[in-house]
Amino acid sequence: SELPAGAGLDAMKGKLDWPVRGEITGGFGKIRHPEFSAEVFRKGIDIEAPIGEEIRAVEKGRVVFAERFSGYGRMVIIDHGERYFSVYAHLSEISRKIGDTVKRGETLGRVGDSDSLAGSRLYFEMRKDGKSIDPLPWFRK
């Protein structure tokens, strides 16, 4: 079940829908850790949202991971083609299984606080070629 030719996120910059409505509480990239005054590199963003809020696929793709992952709680990873992946973590429940094809905006699960030290939120990450990229420029304003 290959993704259609030309699938992928290259053409989607600035056009993706947000995976959940909420406030960004943790950004991407280098930040100074408040307690340890050390620089840490954050590979994704945190979006604070109420428990139970629906989490939606930012774009069509295939589910390649849908289970617990240490430190991230319940996690879903979608392969969008062209070596692009999106990662959704700390879910309270997952409503997809590995191999499922999803369309943009389809529900993947619900916001939770599984393995989150910061309360209920979605951790969201985008990767290309195995490297994390800043997701913010990809979303609609």
N, C-alpha and C. Protein backbone atom coordinates (compact mmCIF):
# COMPACT_ATOMS: atom_id res chain seq x y z
N SER A 1 0.85 -1.20 0.00
CA SER A 1 0.00 0.00 0.00
C SER A 1 0.88 1.24 0.00
N GLU A 2 1.43 1.53 -1.18
CA GLU A 2 2.29 2.70 -1.32
C GLU A 2 1.44 3.98 -1.33
N LEU A 3 2.05 5.06 -0.91
CA LEU A 3 1.35 6.35 -0.98
C LEU A 3 1.35 6.79 -2.44
N PRO A 4 0.34 7.57 -2.84
CA PRO A 4 0.28 8.02 -4.23
C PRO A 4 1.52 8.83 -4.60
N ALA A 5 1.92 8.74 -5.86
CA ALA A 5 3.08 9.48 -6.35
C ALA A 5 2.84 10.97 -6.11
N GLY A 6 3.89 11.67 -5.72
CA GLY A 6 3.76 13.10 -5.48
C GLY A 6 3.22 13.41 -4.10
N ALA A 7 2.91 12.35 -3.32
CA ALA A 7 2.49 12.61 -1.94
C ALA A 7 3.69 13.15 -1.18
N GLY A 8 3.44 13.80 -0.07
CA GLY A 8 4.55 14.35 0.70
C GLY A 8 4.26 15.80 1.04
N LEU A 9 5.10 16.35 1.87
CA LEU A 9 4.79 17.66 2.41
C LEU A 9 5.51 18.81 1.71
N ASP A 10 6.34 18.49 0.71
CA ASP A 10 7.14 19.56 0.10
C ASP A 10 6.30 20.75 -0.33
N ALA A 11 5.13 20.49 -0.92
CA ALA A 11 4.32 21.58 -1.45
C ALA A 11 3.39 22.19 -0.40
N MET A 12 3.45 21.67 0.83
CA MET A 12 2.43 22.02 1.82
C MET A 12 2.88 23.08 2.82
N LYS A 13 4.06 23.66 2.61
CA LYS A 13 4.55 24.64 3.58
C LYS A 13 3.58 25.81 3.71
N GLY A 14 3.20 26.14 4.96
CA GLY A 14 2.28 27.22 5.20
C GLY A 14 0.82 26.86 4.98
N LYS A 15 0.56 25.57 4.70
CA LYS A 15 -0.80 25.15 4.36
C LYS A 15 -1.37 24.09 5.30
N LEU A 16 -0.55 23.56 6.20
CA LEU A 16 -1.04 22.48 7.05
C LEU A 16 -2.00 23.00 8.11
N ASP A 17 -2.96 22.17 8.46
CA ASP A 17 -3.84 22.48 9.58
C ASP A 17 -3.16 22.06 10.88
N TRP A 18 -3.47 22.75 11.96
CA TRP A 18 -2.92 22.39 13.27
C TRP A 18 -3.48 21.04 13.71
N PRO A 19 -2.67 20.23 14.40
CA PRO A 19 -3.16 18.92 14.85
C PRO A 19 -4.18 19.02 15.98
N VAL A 20 -4.13 20.11 16.73
CA VAL A 20 -5.06 20.31 17.84
C VAL A 20 -5.12 21.81 18.10
N ARG A 21 -6.26 22.27 18.63
CA ARG A 21 -6.35 23.69 18.98
C ARG A 21 -5.79 23.87 20.38
N GLY A 22 -4.92 24.85 20.55
CA GLY A 22 -4.35 25.06 21.87
C GLY A 22 -3.23 26.06 21.79
N GLU A 23 -2.59 26.27 22.91
CA GLU A 23 -1.52 27.25 22.98
C GLU A 23 -0.18 26.55 22.95
N ILE A 24 0.75 27.08 22.16
CA ILE A 24 2.09 26.50 22.12
C ILE A 24 2.81 26.89 23.41
N THR A 25 3.21 25.88 24.18
CA THR A 25 3.88 26.17 25.44
C THR A 25 5.36 25.83 25.37
N GLY A 26 5.76 25.12 24.34
CA GLY A 26 7.18 24.81 24.19
C GLY A 26 7.52 24.83 22.72
N GLY A 27 8.52 25.63 22.35
CA GLY A 27 8.87 25.77 20.95
C GLY A 27 9.95 24.81 20.51
N PHE A 28 10.27 24.90 19.23
CA PHE A 28 11.28 24.03 18.61
C PHE A 28 12.65 24.71 18.71
N GLY A 29 13.68 23.88 18.81
CA GLY A 29 15.04 24.41 18.69
C GLY A 29 15.72 24.59 20.03
N LYS A 30 16.80 25.37 20.01
CA LYS A 30 17.63 25.53 21.20
C LYS A 30 16.92 26.38 22.25
N ILE A 31 16.84 25.86 23.46
CA ILE A 31 16.33 26.69 24.55
C ILE A 31 17.26 26.50 25.75
N ARG A 32 17.26 27.49 26.62
CA ARG A 32 18.02 27.33 27.87
C ARG A 32 17.10 26.67 28.87
N HIS A 33 17.57 25.58 29.45
CA HIS A 33 16.74 24.89 30.43
C HIS A 33 16.75 25.70 31.72
N PRO A 34 15.55 26.07 32.24
CA PRO A 34 15.49 26.98 33.39
C PRO A 34 16.20 26.44 34.63
N GLU A 35 16.11 25.14 34.86
CA GLU A 35 16.70 24.62 36.10
C GLU A 35 18.19 24.38 35.96
N PHE A 36 18.62 23.90 34.83
CA PHE A 36 20.00 23.45 34.70
C PHE A 36 20.88 24.46 34.00
N SER A 37 20.30 25.59 33.58
CA SER A 37 20.99 26.63 32.80
C SER A 37 21.90 26.01 31.74
N ALA A 38 21.39 24.95 31.12
CA ALA A 38 22.12 24.32 30.03
C ALA A 38 21.25 24.48 28.78
N GLU A 39 21.89 24.44 27.62
CA GLU A 39 21.11 24.50 26.39
C GLU A 39 20.59 23.11 26.07
N VAL A 40 19.31 23.03 25.76
CA VAL A 40 18.77 21.77 25.28
C VAL A 40 18.16 22.03 23.91
N PHE A 41 18.17 21.01 23.08
CA PHE A 41 17.58 21.16 21.76
C PHE A 41 16.26 20.42 21.75
N ARG A 42 15.19 21.15 21.50
CA ARG A 42 13.87 20.54 21.47
C ARG A 42 13.51 20.20 20.04
N LYS A 43 13.17 18.92 19.83
CA LYS A 43 12.92 18.43 18.48
C LYS A 43 11.50 18.65 18.01
N GLY A 44 10.64 19.11 18.91
CA GLY A 44 9.24 19.31 18.52
C GLY A 44 8.65 20.45 19.32
N ILE A 45 7.33 20.57 19.25
CA ILE A 45 6.64 21.62 19.99
C ILE A 45 5.61 20.99 20.92
N ASP A 46 5.27 21.72 21.98
CA ASP A 46 4.20 21.30 22.89
C ASP A 46 3.01 22.22 22.67
N ILE A 47 1.84 21.62 22.52
CA ILE A 47 0.61 22.40 22.40
C ILE A 47 -0.28 22.01 23.56
N GLU A 48 -0.52 23.00 24.44
CA GLU A 48 -1.35 22.73 25.61
C GLU A 48 -2.81 22.66 25.16
N ALA A 49 -3.50 21.60 25.56
CA ALA A 49 -4.89 21.41 25.14
C ALA A 49 -5.57 20.54 26.18
N PRO A 50 -6.90 20.69 26.30
CA PRO A 50 -7.62 19.92 27.32
C PRO A 50 -7.59 18.42 27.05
N ILE A 51 -7.58 17.64 28.12
CA ILE A 51 -7.65 16.19 27.98
C ILE A 51 -8.91 15.82 27.20
N GLY A 52 -8.75 14.90 26.26
CA GLY A 52 -9.90 14.44 25.49
C GLY A 52 -10.11 15.17 24.18
N GLU A 53 -9.44 16.29 23.99
CA GLU A 53 -9.53 17.04 22.73
C GLU A 53 -9.04 16.14 21.58
N GLU A 54 -9.70 16.22 20.43
CA GLU A 54 -9.31 15.38 19.30
C GLU A 54 -8.01 15.86 18.67
N ILE A 55 -7.15 14.91 18.35
CA ILE A 55 -5.90 15.20 17.65
C ILE A 55 -6.08 14.72 16.22
N ARG A 56 -5.77 15.60 15.27
CA ARG A 56 -6.02 15.28 13.86
C ARG A 56 -4.72 15.21 13.06
N ALA A 57 -4.74 14.38 12.04
CA ALA A 57 -3.60 14.28 11.13
C ALA A 57 -3.42 15.61 10.40
N VAL A 58 -2.19 16.10 10.33
CA VAL A 58 -1.95 17.38 9.67
C VAL A 58 -2.02 17.24 8.15
N GLU A 59 -1.86 16.01 7.66
CA GLU A 59 -1.92 15.76 6.22
C GLU A 59 -2.08 14.26 6.03
N LYS A 60 -2.45 13.88 4.81
CA LYS A 60 -2.69 12.45 4.55
C LYS A 60 -1.39 11.65 4.68
N GLY A 61 -1.54 10.38 4.97
CA GLY A 61 -0.37 9.52 5.08
C GLY A 61 -0.76 8.16 5.62
N ARG A 62 0.25 7.41 6.05
CA ARG A 62 0.03 6.07 6.57
C ARG A 62 0.59 5.97 7.98
N VAL A 63 -0.17 5.37 8.88
CA VAL A 63 0.27 5.21 10.27
C VAL A 63 1.35 4.12 10.32
N VAL A 64 2.53 4.48 10.82
CA VAL A 64 3.63 3.52 10.91
C VAL A 64 3.98 3.17 12.36
N PHE A 65 3.38 3.90 13.32
CA PHE A 65 3.61 3.60 14.74
C PHE A 65 2.36 4.04 15.49
N ALA A 66 1.89 3.21 16.41
CA ALA A 66 0.70 3.57 17.19
C ALA A 66 0.69 2.77 18.48
N GLU A 67 1.52 3.16 19.42
CA GLU A 67 1.58 2.47 20.71
C GLU A 67 2.36 3.32 21.71
N ARG A 68 2.58 2.76 22.89
CA ARG A 68 3.35 3.50 23.89
C ARG A 68 4.82 3.55 23.52
N PHE A 69 5.44 4.68 23.84
CA PHE A 69 6.87 4.83 23.61
C PHE A 69 7.43 5.52 24.83
N SER A 70 8.47 4.95 25.41
CA SER A 70 8.99 5.44 26.68
C SER A 70 9.30 6.94 26.64
N GLY A 71 8.76 7.67 27.61
CA GLY A 71 9.00 9.11 27.69
C GLY A 71 8.00 9.94 26.90
N TYR A 72 7.27 9.30 26.00
CA TYR A 72 6.31 10.03 25.16
C TYR A 72 4.88 9.54 25.35
N GLY A 73 4.70 8.52 26.18
CA GLY A 73 3.36 7.99 26.37
C GLY A 73 2.85 7.36 25.09
N ARG A 74 1.54 7.45 24.89
CA ARG A 74 0.97 6.89 23.66
C ARG A 74 1.31 7.80 22.49
N MET A 75 1.83 7.18 21.44
CA MET A 75 2.39 7.96 20.35
C MET A 75 1.94 7.42 19.01
N VAL A 76 1.68 8.33 18.07
CA VAL A 76 1.33 7.96 16.70
C VAL A 76 2.34 8.63 15.76
N ILE A 77 2.83 7.87 14.79
CA ILE A 77 3.71 8.44 13.76
C ILE A 77 3.10 8.17 12.39
N ILE A 78 3.04 9.22 11.57
CA ILE A 78 2.49 9.09 10.22
C ILE A 78 3.60 9.32 9.20
N ASP A 79 3.65 8.43 8.21
CA ASP A 79 4.55 8.56 7.07
C ASP A 79 3.78 9.29 5.98
N HIS A 80 4.28 10.47 5.59
CA HIS A 80 3.59 11.28 4.57
C HIS A 80 4.19 11.12 3.19
N GLY A 81 5.16 10.23 3.05
CA GLY A 81 5.84 10.10 1.76
C GLY A 81 6.98 11.10 1.65
N GLU A 82 7.84 10.90 0.65
CA GLU A 82 9.01 11.78 0.43
C GLU A 82 9.83 11.96 1.71
N ARG A 83 9.90 10.91 2.52
CA ARG A 83 10.73 10.89 3.74
C ARG A 83 10.28 11.90 4.79
N TYR A 84 9.01 12.32 4.73
CA TYR A 84 8.42 13.17 5.76
C TYR A 84 7.58 12.35 6.73
N PHE A 85 7.73 12.67 8.01
CA PHE A 85 6.94 12.01 9.05
C PHE A 85 6.41 13.06 10.02
N SER A 86 5.24 12.80 10.60
CA SER A 86 4.77 13.63 11.72
C SER A 86 4.55 12.73 12.93
N VAL A 87 4.85 13.28 14.11
CA VAL A 87 4.83 12.53 15.37
C VAL A 87 3.89 13.23 16.34
N TYR A 88 3.03 12.45 17.00
CA TYR A 88 2.03 12.97 17.94
C TYR A 88 2.18 12.17 19.22
N ALA A 89 2.43 12.84 20.37
CA ALA A 89 2.70 12.06 21.58
C ALA A 89 1.94 12.60 22.80
N HIS A 90 1.93 11.79 23.86
CA HIS A 90 1.22 12.01 25.13
C HIS A 90 -0.29 11.83 24.97
N LEU A 91 -0.72 11.00 24.02
CA LEU A 91 -2.15 10.82 23.80
C LEU A 91 -2.80 10.06 24.96
N SER A 92 -4.08 10.36 25.23
CA SER A 92 -4.81 9.59 26.24
C SER A 92 -5.37 8.33 25.60
N GLU A 93 -5.67 8.42 24.29
CA GLU A 93 -6.10 7.21 23.58
C GLU A 93 -5.72 7.36 22.12
N ILE A 94 -5.50 6.21 21.49
CA ILE A 94 -5.13 6.16 20.07
C ILE A 94 -6.29 5.51 19.33
N SER A 95 -6.72 6.12 18.22
CA SER A 95 -7.86 5.55 17.50
C SER A 95 -7.47 4.99 16.13
N ARG A 96 -6.18 4.83 15.90
CA ARG A 96 -5.70 4.26 14.63
C ARG A 96 -4.74 3.13 14.92
N LYS A 97 -4.55 2.27 13.92
CA LYS A 97 -3.55 1.22 14.10
C LYS A 97 -2.54 1.27 12.96
N ILE A 98 -1.41 0.61 13.17
CA ILE A 98 -0.34 0.59 12.18
C ILE A 98 -0.90 0.07 10.86
N GLY A 99 -0.54 0.76 9.78
CA GLY A 99 -1.00 0.36 8.45
C GLY A 99 -2.21 1.15 7.98
N ASP A 100 -2.91 1.80 8.91
CA ASP A 100 -4.07 2.61 8.51
C ASP A 100 -3.63 3.77 7.61
N THR A 101 -4.45 4.04 6.60
CA THR A 101 -4.27 5.24 5.79
C THR A 101 -5.17 6.32 6.37
N VAL A 102 -4.62 7.51 6.55
CA VAL A 102 -5.43 8.60 7.09
C VAL A 102 -5.44 9.77 6.12
N LYS A 103 -6.55 10.49 6.15
CA LYS A 103 -6.67 11.72 5.36
C LYS A 103 -6.35 12.89 6.27
N ARG A 104 -6.07 14.03 5.66
CA ARG A 104 -5.87 15.26 6.42
C ARG A 104 -7.10 15.52 7.30
N GLY A 105 -6.87 15.84 8.56
CA GLY A 105 -7.97 16.20 9.45
C GLY A 105 -8.65 15.02 10.12
N GLU A 106 -8.26 13.79 9.76
CA GLU A 106 -8.87 12.64 10.44
C GLU A 106 -8.30 12.48 11.84
N THR A 107 -9.17 12.04 12.75
CA THR A 107 -8.78 11.90 14.15
C THR A 107 -7.82 10.73 14.33
N LEU A 108 -6.74 10.99 15.08
CA LEU A 108 -5.74 9.96 15.39
C LEU A 108 -5.90 9.45 16.81
N GLY A 109 -6.49 10.30 17.65
CA GLY A 109 -6.60 9.96 19.07
C GLY A 109 -7.00 11.21 19.84
N ARG A 110 -6.77 11.15 21.15
CA ARG A 110 -7.16 12.28 21.99
C ARG A 110 -6.01 12.74 22.87
N VAL A 111 -6.06 14.03 23.20
CA VAL A 111 -5.03 14.63 24.05
C VAL A 111 -5.06 13.97 25.42
N GLY A 112 -3.87 13.77 25.98
CA GLY A 112 -3.78 13.22 27.32
C GLY A 112 -2.57 13.77 28.04
N ASP A 113 -2.17 13.07 29.09
CA ASP A 113 -0.96 13.48 29.80
C ASP A 113 -0.09 12.25 30.04
N SER A 114 -0.21 11.23 29.16
CA SER A 114 0.56 10.01 29.35
C SER A 114 2.06 10.32 29.20
N ASP A 115 2.82 10.00 30.24
CA ASP A 115 4.26 10.24 30.31
C ASP A 115 4.62 11.71 30.14
N SER A 116 3.69 12.61 30.38
CA SER A 116 4.00 14.04 30.30
C SER A 116 4.18 14.57 31.71
N LEU A 117 5.25 15.34 31.90
CA LEU A 117 5.49 15.92 33.22
C LEU A 117 4.83 17.29 33.31
N ALA A 118 4.24 17.73 32.20
CA ALA A 118 3.72 19.11 32.15
C ALA A 118 2.21 19.14 31.96
N GLY A 119 1.52 18.10 32.37
CA GLY A 119 0.07 18.12 32.25
C GLY A 119 -0.38 17.77 30.84
N SER A 120 -1.65 18.05 30.56
CA SER A 120 -2.22 17.58 29.30
C SER A 120 -1.77 18.47 28.15
N ARG A 121 -1.25 17.83 27.13
CA ARG A 121 -0.70 18.56 25.99
C ARG A 121 -0.44 17.56 24.88
N LEU A 122 -0.27 18.10 23.69
CA LEU A 122 0.19 17.30 22.56
C LEU A 122 1.63 17.67 22.29
N TYR A 123 2.48 16.66 22.19
CA TYR A 123 3.84 16.88 21.69
C TYR A 123 3.79 16.55 20.20
N PHE A 124 4.22 17.50 19.37
CA PHE A 124 4.16 17.32 17.92
C PHE A 124 5.53 17.56 17.31
N GLU A 125 5.90 16.68 16.39
CA GLU A 125 7.23 16.78 15.78
C GLU A 125 7.08 16.48 14.30
N MET A 126 7.89 17.14 13.48
CA MET A 126 7.98 16.81 12.06
C MET A 126 9.40 16.42 11.74
N ARG A 127 9.53 15.38 10.91
CA ARG A 127 10.87 14.93 10.53
C ARG A 127 10.96 14.79 9.03
N LYS A 128 12.13 15.13 8.51
CA LYS A 128 12.44 14.82 7.12
C LYS A 128 13.82 14.18 7.08
N ASP A 129 13.94 13.08 6.36
CA ASP A 129 15.21 12.36 6.26
C ASP A 129 15.77 12.03 7.64
N GLY A 130 14.86 11.73 8.59
CA GLY A 130 15.32 11.33 9.92
C GLY A 130 15.71 12.50 10.82
N LYS A 131 15.67 13.73 10.32
CA LYS A 131 16.02 14.90 11.14
C LYS A 131 14.75 15.67 11.50
N SER A 132 14.72 16.19 12.73
CA SER A 132 13.58 17.01 13.14
C SER A 132 13.67 18.38 12.48
N ILE A 133 12.52 18.87 12.02
CA ILE A 133 12.48 20.20 11.41
C ILE A 133 11.45 21.04 12.17
N ASP A 134 11.62 22.35 12.10
CA ASP A 134 10.70 23.25 12.81
C ASP A 134 9.33 23.17 12.13
N PRO A 135 8.29 22.73 12.87
CA PRO A 135 6.99 22.58 12.21
C PRO A 135 6.25 23.90 11.99
N LEU A 136 6.62 24.95 12.72
CA LEU A 136 5.79 26.16 12.70
C LEU A 136 5.60 26.76 11.30
N PRO A 137 6.64 26.83 10.47
CA PRO A 137 6.42 27.43 9.14
C PRO A 137 5.46 26.62 8.26
N TRP A 138 5.18 25.40 8.67
CA TRP A 138 4.32 24.54 7.84
C TRP A 138 2.84 24.79 8.09
N PHE A 139 2.51 25.34 9.24
CA PHE A 139 1.10 25.54 9.58
C PHE A 139 0.55 26.80 8.96
N ARG A 140 -0.77 26.80 8.72
CA ARG A 140 -1.45 28.03 8.32
C ARG A 140 -1.34 29.01 9.47
N LYS A 141 -1.29 30.28 9.13
CA LYS A 141 -1.25 31.33 10.16
C LYS A 141 -2.62 31.41 10.84
